[in-house]
Amino acid sequence: MRQTGYTLIELMITIAVLSIVVGIVVPGARGFINHSLLSKEVNEISALSRLARFSAMEEQTNIVLCPTTNYAQCGTDWTQGKMAFVDLNGNGDRSTNETIIGATEALHSSVSVTAPGQSILFNRRGGANVTTTLIFCDETSDADKAMGLIINGYGKIAVAQDRNNDGTKEDHAGNALTCA
């Protein structure tokens, strides 16, 4: 009678090969996932910022972009949801008669953001009340993985680039992005 199956040595070799493959693939996949999350968050706030700016010019009114926990009031924590609304009375706070033109959810828990502690106002000419860079970092806090969204006083919105080829992107003032 002949028996079939795997020997203990064959099983050990298979487990060793699988361990090596998993050891190589998992860290690379983690980096890909972190980069994808950062890109998603930057794209969402970029799209909302562009919507706010173009709506301000099209409607010839002020549009406020701000973080919020309840989509009724502005806050200062940019990890929360964000909303853009028509500021009819010009006070920078949302009243019940002021329409939300766009909103996003809170950031993914593994993403942090460094941003101004104030709302961003786009005026009827498309200009912004502040020149700033919103810096997005993943859970590793590696500056070379950080992404930034630059908004200047003219209202121009751009994704931060590595202009000096040192491996780290720069903010609106030319300084390297940092993760705190």
C-alpha atoms as a PDB file:
ATOM      1  CA  MET A   1       0.000   0.000   0.000  1.00  0.00           C
ATOM      2  CA  ARG A   2       1.395   3.355  -1.047  1.00  0.00           C
ATOM      3  CA  GLN A   3       0.846   6.511   1.064  1.00  0.00           C
ATOM      4  CA  THR A   4       0.666   9.982  -0.403  1.00  0.00           C
ATOM      5  CA  GLY A   5       1.156  13.341   1.263  1.00  0.00           C
ATOM      6  CA  TYR A   6       3.813  15.817   2.239  1.00  0.00           C
ATOM      7  CA  THR A   7       6.876  15.084   4.274  1.00  0.00           C
ATOM      8  CA  LEU A   8       7.786  17.204   7.254  1.00  0.00           C
ATOM      9  CA  ILE A   9      10.729  18.673   5.322  1.00  0.00           C
ATOM     10  CA  GLU A  10       8.503  19.709   2.406  1.00  0.00           C
ATOM     11  CA  LEU A  11       6.074  21.363   4.819  1.00  0.00           C
ATOM     12  CA  MET A  12       8.890  23.244   6.596  1.00  0.00           C
ATOM     13  CA  ILE A  13      10.329  24.482   3.286  1.00  0.00           C
ATOM     14  CA  THR A  14       6.876  25.699   2.165  1.00  0.00           C
ATOM     15  CA  ILE A  15       6.353  27.582   5.449  1.00  0.00           C
ATOM     16  CA  ALA A  16       9.825  29.146   5.193  1.00  0.00           C
ATOM     17  CA  VAL A  17       9.186  30.351   1.628  1.00  0.00           C
ATOM     18  CA  LEU A  18       5.772  31.746   2.593  1.00  0.00           C
ATOM     19  CA  SER A  19       7.316  33.561   5.577  1.00  0.00           C
ATOM     20  CA  ILE A  20       9.901  35.214   3.339  1.00  0.00           C
ATOM     21  CA  VAL A  21       7.269  36.271   0.782  1.00  0.00           C
ATOM     22  CA  VAL A  22       4.969  37.689   3.478  1.00  0.00           C
ATOM     23  CA  GLY A  23       7.917  39.499   5.080  1.00  0.00           C
ATOM     24  CA  ILE A  24       8.671  41.232   1.798  1.00  0.00           C
ATOM     25  CA  VAL A  25       5.124  41.947   0.580  1.00  0.00           C
ATOM     26  CA  VAL A  26       3.437  43.211   3.764  1.00  0.00           C
ATOM     27  CA  PRO A  27       5.704  46.241   4.413  1.00  0.00           C
ATOM     28  CA  GLY A  28       5.416  47.302   0.767  1.00  0.00           C
ATOM     29  CA  ALA A  29       1.649  46.931   0.852  1.00  0.00           C
ATOM     30  CA  ARG A  30       1.504  49.025   4.041  1.00  0.00           C
ATOM     31  CA  GLY A  31       3.366  51.857   2.335  1.00  0.00           C
ATOM     32  CA  PHE A  32       1.027  51.655  -0.639  1.00  0.00           C
ATOM     33  CA  ILE A  33      -2.036  51.788   1.624  1.00  0.00           C
ATOM     34  CA  ASN A  34      -0.669  54.791   3.557  1.00  0.00           C
ATOM     35  CA  HIS A  35       0.116  56.642   0.328  1.00  0.00           C
ATOM     36  CA  SER A  36      -3.361  55.877  -1.024  1.00  0.00           C
ATOM     37  CA  LEU A  37      -5.016  57.217   2.138  1.00  0.00           C
ATOM     38  CA  LEU A  38      -2.964  60.423   2.011  1.00  0.00           C
ATOM     39  CA  SER A  39      -3.765  60.906  -1.680  1.00  0.00           C
ATOM     40  CA  LYS A  40      -7.473  60.371  -1.035  1.00  0.00           C
ATOM     41  CA  GLU A  41      -7.550  62.970   1.751  1.00  0.00           C
ATOM     42  CA  VAL A  42      -5.564  65.545  -0.246  1.00  0.00           C
ATOM     43  CA  ASN A  43      -7.791  65.001  -3.293  1.00  0.00           C
ATOM     44  CA  GLU A  44     -10.967  65.440  -1.234  1.00  0.00           C
ATOM     45  CA  ILE A  45      -9.903  68.734   0.363  1.00  0.00           C
ATOM     46  CA  SER A  46      -8.469  69.922  -2.953  1.00  0.00           C
ATOM     47  CA  ALA A  47     -11.782  69.251  -4.714  1.00  0.00           C
ATOM     48  CA  LEU A  48     -13.750  70.978  -1.938  1.00  0.00           C
ATOM     49  CA  SER A  49     -11.367  73.977  -2.019  1.00  0.00           C
ATOM     50  CA  ARG A  50     -11.716  74.297  -5.794  1.00  0.00           C
ATOM     51  CA  LEU A  51     -15.492  74.036  -5.528  1.00  0.00           C
ATOM     52  CA  ALA A  52     -15.489  76.800  -2.907  1.00  0.00           C
ATOM     53  CA  ARG A  53     -13.255  79.073  -4.966  1.00  0.00           C
ATOM     54  CA  PHE A  54     -15.119  78.636  -8.256  1.00  0.00           C
ATOM     55  CA  SER A  55     -18.497  78.970  -6.537  1.00  0.00           C
ATOM     56  CA  ALA A  56     -17.362  82.246  -4.952  1.00  0.00           C
ATOM     57  CA  MET A  57     -16.445  83.614  -8.382  1.00  0.00           C
ATOM     58  CA  GLU A  58     -19.527  82.251 -10.117  1.00  0.00           C
ATOM     59  CA  GLU A  59     -22.003  83.407  -7.457  1.00  0.00           C
ATOM     60  CA  GLN A  60     -20.060  86.621  -6.760  1.00  0.00           C
ATOM     61  CA  THR A  61     -20.206  86.029  -3.012  1.00  0.00           C
ATOM     62  CA  ASN A  62     -18.004  84.891  -0.137  1.00  0.00           C
ATOM     63  CA  ILE A  63     -17.609  81.164   0.409  1.00  0.00           C
ATOM     64  CA  VAL A  64     -16.150  79.857   3.662  1.00  0.00           C
ATOM     65  CA  LEU A  65     -14.218  76.578   3.864  1.00  0.00           C
ATOM     66  CA  CYS A  66     -13.783  75.308   7.404  1.00  0.00           C
ATOM     67  CA  PRO A  67     -13.487  72.219   9.577  1.00  0.00           C
ATOM     68  CA  THR A  68     -16.635  71.167  11.409  1.00  0.00           C
ATOM     69  CA  THR A  69     -17.930  68.476  13.707  1.00  0.00           C
ATOM     70  CA  ASN A  70     -21.632  69.029  13.040  1.00  0.00           C
ATOM     71  CA  TYR A  71     -21.866  70.836   9.651  1.00  0.00           C
ATOM     72  CA  ALA A  72     -23.578  73.725  11.446  1.00  0.00           C
ATOM     73  CA  GLN A  73     -20.599  75.562  12.968  1.00  0.00           C
ATOM     74  CA  CYS A  74     -16.968  76.060  12.010  1.00  0.00           C
ATOM     75  CA  GLY A  75     -14.238  74.662  14.218  1.00  0.00           C
ATOM     76  CA  THR A  76     -10.445  74.665  14.177  1.00  0.00           C
ATOM     77  CA  ASP A  77      -9.604  70.937  13.977  1.00  0.00           C
ATOM     78  CA  TRP A  78      -8.986  70.066  10.316  1.00  0.00           C
ATOM     79  CA  THR A  79      -9.023  66.319  11.084  1.00  0.00           C
ATOM     80  CA  GLN A  80     -12.810  66.674  11.445  1.00  0.00           C
ATOM     81  CA  GLY A  81     -15.203  66.954   8.526  1.00  0.00           C
ATOM     82  CA  LYS A  82     -14.949  69.997   6.289  1.00  0.00           C
ATOM     83  CA  MET A  83     -17.712  72.149   4.800  1.00  0.00           C
ATOM     84  CA  ALA A  84     -17.908  74.978   2.305  1.00  0.00           C
ATOM     85  CA  PHE A  85     -20.867  77.311   2.605  1.00  0.00           C
ATOM     86  CA  VAL A  86     -22.185  80.573   1.189  1.00  0.00           C
ATOM     87  CA  ASP A  87     -21.473  83.324   3.737  1.00  0.00           C
ATOM     88  CA  LEU A  88     -24.372  85.698   2.992  1.00  0.00           C
ATOM     89  CA  ASN A  89     -23.917  87.906   6.058  1.00  0.00           C
ATOM     90  CA  GLY A  90     -20.112  87.950   5.842  1.00  0.00           C
ATOM     91  CA  ASN A  91     -19.510  86.964   9.468  1.00  0.00           C
ATOM     92  CA  GLY A  92     -17.578  83.763   8.725  1.00  0.00           C
ATOM     93  CA  ASP A  93     -20.030  81.624  10.706  1.00  0.00           C
ATOM     94  CA  ARG A  94     -22.745  79.521   9.142  1.00  0.00           C
ATOM     95  CA  SER A  95     -26.297  80.669   9.768  1.00  0.00           C
ATOM     96  CA  THR A  96     -29.314  78.455   9.126  1.00  0.00           C
ATOM     97  CA  ASN A  97     -30.119  80.297   5.884  1.00  0.00           C
ATOM     98  CA  GLU A  98     -26.598  79.831   4.457  1.00  0.00           C
ATOM     99  CA  THR A  99     -26.325  76.906   2.046  1.00  0.00           C
ATOM    100  CA  ILE A 100     -23.628  74.244   2.294  1.00  0.00           C
ATOM    101  CA  ILE A 101     -22.241  73.781  -1.213  1.00  0.00           C
ATOM    102  CA  GLY A 102     -19.965  70.855  -0.373  1.00  0.00           C
ATOM    103  CA  ALA A 103     -18.638  68.801   2.519  1.00  0.00           C
ATOM    104  CA  THR A 104     -16.266  65.965   3.385  1.00  0.00           C
ATOM    105  CA  GLU A 105     -16.080  63.476   6.219  1.00  0.00           C
ATOM    106  CA  ALA A 106     -13.446  63.409   8.945  1.00  0.00           C
ATOM    107  CA  LEU A 107      -9.944  62.249   8.008  1.00  0.00           C
ATOM    108  CA  HIS A 108      -9.051  58.574   8.271  1.00  0.00           C
ATOM    109  CA  SER A 109      -7.736  57.846  11.765  1.00  0.00           C
ATOM    110  CA  SER A 110      -4.224  57.076  10.466  1.00  0.00           C
ATOM    111  CA  VAL A 111      -3.912  60.493   8.765  1.00  0.00           C
ATOM    112  CA  SER A 112      -3.000  63.710  10.582  1.00  0.00           C
ATOM    113  CA  VAL A 113      -3.095  67.254   9.252  1.00  0.00           C
ATOM    114  CA  THR A 114      -1.356  70.506  10.108  1.00  0.00           C
ATOM    115  CA  ALA A 115      -3.484  73.431   8.975  1.00  0.00           C
ATOM    116  CA  PRO A 116      -4.379  76.999   9.927  1.00  0.00           C
ATOM    117  CA  GLY A 117      -6.485  77.373  13.068  1.00  0.00           C
ATOM    118  CA  GLN A 118      -9.013  79.385  11.102  1.00  0.00           C
ATOM    119  CA  SER A 119     -11.477  79.153   8.262  1.00  0.00           C
ATOM    120  CA  ILE A 120     -10.453  79.882   4.696  1.00  0.00           C
ATOM    121  CA  LEU A 121     -12.575  82.514   2.980  1.00  0.00           C
ATOM    122  CA  PHE A 122     -12.766  82.720  -0.801  1.00  0.00           C
ATOM    123  CA  ASN A 123     -14.002  86.109  -1.985  1.00  0.00           C
ATOM    124  CA  ARG A 124     -16.001  86.957  -5.118  1.00  0.00           C
ATOM    125  CA  ARG A 125     -12.768  87.359  -7.110  1.00  0.00           C
ATOM    126  CA  GLY A 126     -11.541  83.898  -6.062  1.00  0.00           C
ATOM    127  CA  GLY A 127      -8.892  85.166  -3.662  1.00  0.00           C
ATOM    128  CA  ALA A 128      -8.306  83.576  -0.265  1.00  0.00           C
ATOM    129  CA  ASN A 129      -7.948  85.337   3.077  1.00  0.00           C
ATOM    130  CA  VAL A 130      -4.839  83.326   3.951  1.00  0.00           C
ATOM    131  CA  THR A 131      -1.817  81.818   2.228  1.00  0.00           C
ATOM    132  CA  THR A 132      -1.226  78.426   3.764  1.00  0.00           C
ATOM    133  CA  THR A 133      -0.212  74.822   3.253  1.00  0.00           C
ATOM    134  CA  LEU A 134      -2.298  72.024   4.698  1.00  0.00           C
ATOM    135  CA  ILE A 135       0.177  69.233   5.494  1.00  0.00           C
ATOM    136  CA  PHE A 136      -1.072  65.635   5.545  1.00  0.00           C
ATOM    137  CA  CYS A 137       0.983  62.914   7.232  1.00  0.00           C
ATOM    138  CA  ASP A 138       0.485  59.177   7.670  1.00  0.00           C
ATOM    139  CA  GLU A 139       0.975  57.218  10.864  1.00  0.00           C
ATOM    140  CA  THR A 140       4.737  56.879  10.251  1.00  0.00           C
ATOM    141  CA  SER A 141       5.179  60.696  10.444  1.00  0.00           C
ATOM    142  CA  ASP A 142       7.952  60.464   7.844  1.00  0.00           C
ATOM    143  CA  ALA A 143       8.419  63.887   6.253  1.00  0.00           C
ATOM    144  CA  ASP A 144       9.419  62.338   2.931  1.00  0.00           C
ATOM    145  CA  LYS A 145       5.950  60.749   2.728  1.00  0.00           C
ATOM    146  CA  ALA A 146       4.069  63.946   3.684  1.00  0.00           C
ATOM    147  CA  MET A 147       1.719  65.558   1.179  1.00  0.00           C
ATOM    148  CA  GLY A 148       0.643  69.170   1.105  1.00  0.00           C
ATOM    149  CA  LEU A 149      -2.130  71.292  -0.355  1.00  0.00           C
ATOM    150  CA  ILE A 150      -1.095  74.886  -0.999  1.00  0.00           C
ATOM    151  CA  ILE A 151      -3.658  77.698  -1.078  1.00  0.00           C
ATOM    152  CA  ASN A 152      -2.310  81.171  -1.792  1.00  0.00           C
ATOM    153  CA  GLY A 153      -3.815  84.635  -1.401  1.00  0.00           C
ATOM    154  CA  TYR A 154      -4.927  84.685  -5.021  1.00  0.00           C
ATOM    155  CA  GLY A 155      -6.902  81.506  -4.358  1.00  0.00           C
ATOM    156  CA  LYS A 156      -4.632  79.287  -6.437  1.00  0.00           C
ATOM    157  CA  ILE A 157      -4.763  75.712  -5.185  1.00  0.00           C
ATOM    158  CA  ALA A 158      -1.864  73.334  -5.837  1.00  0.00           C
ATOM    159  CA  VAL A 159      -0.456  70.094  -4.505  1.00  0.00           C
ATOM    160  CA  ALA A 160       2.979  70.512  -2.895  1.00  0.00           C
ATOM    161  CA  GLN A 161       5.912  69.366  -5.038  1.00  0.00           C
ATOM    162  CA  ASP A 162       9.542  68.465  -4.369  1.00  0.00           C
ATOM    163  CA  ARG A 163      11.068  71.350  -6.323  1.00  0.00           C
ATOM    164  CA  ASN A 164      14.652  70.947  -5.094  1.00  0.00           C
ATOM    165  CA  ASN A 165      14.734  67.134  -5.554  1.00  0.00           C
ATOM    166  CA  ASP A 166      15.787  66.384  -1.977  1.00  0.00           C
ATOM    167  CA  GLY A 167      13.040  63.799  -1.457  1.00  0.00           C
ATOM    168  CA  THR A 168      10.731  66.064   0.577  1.00  0.00           C
ATOM    169  CA  LYS A 169       7.973  68.283  -0.788  1.00  0.00           C
ATOM    170  CA  GLU A 170       7.944  71.999   0.031  1.00  0.00           C
ATOM    171  CA  ASP A 171       5.213  74.279   1.398  1.00  0.00           C
ATOM    172  CA  HIS A 172       4.059  77.631  -0.004  1.00  0.00           C
ATOM    173  CA  ALA A 173       7.149  79.378   1.417  1.00  0.00           C
ATOM    174  CA  GLY A 174       9.620  76.838   0.011  1.00  0.00           C
ATOM    175  CA  ASN A 175      10.223  75.097   3.356  1.00  0.00           C
ATOM    176  CA  ALA A 176      10.310  71.308   3.547  1.00  0.00           C
ATOM    177  CA  LEU A 177       7.092  69.720   4.777  1.00  0.00           C
ATOM    178  CA  THR A 178       7.400  68.278   8.271  1.00  0.00           C
ATOM    179  CA  CYS A 179       5.244  65.905  10.264  1.00  0.00           C
ATOM    180  CA  ALA A 180       4.947  66.798  13.943  1.00  0.00           C
END
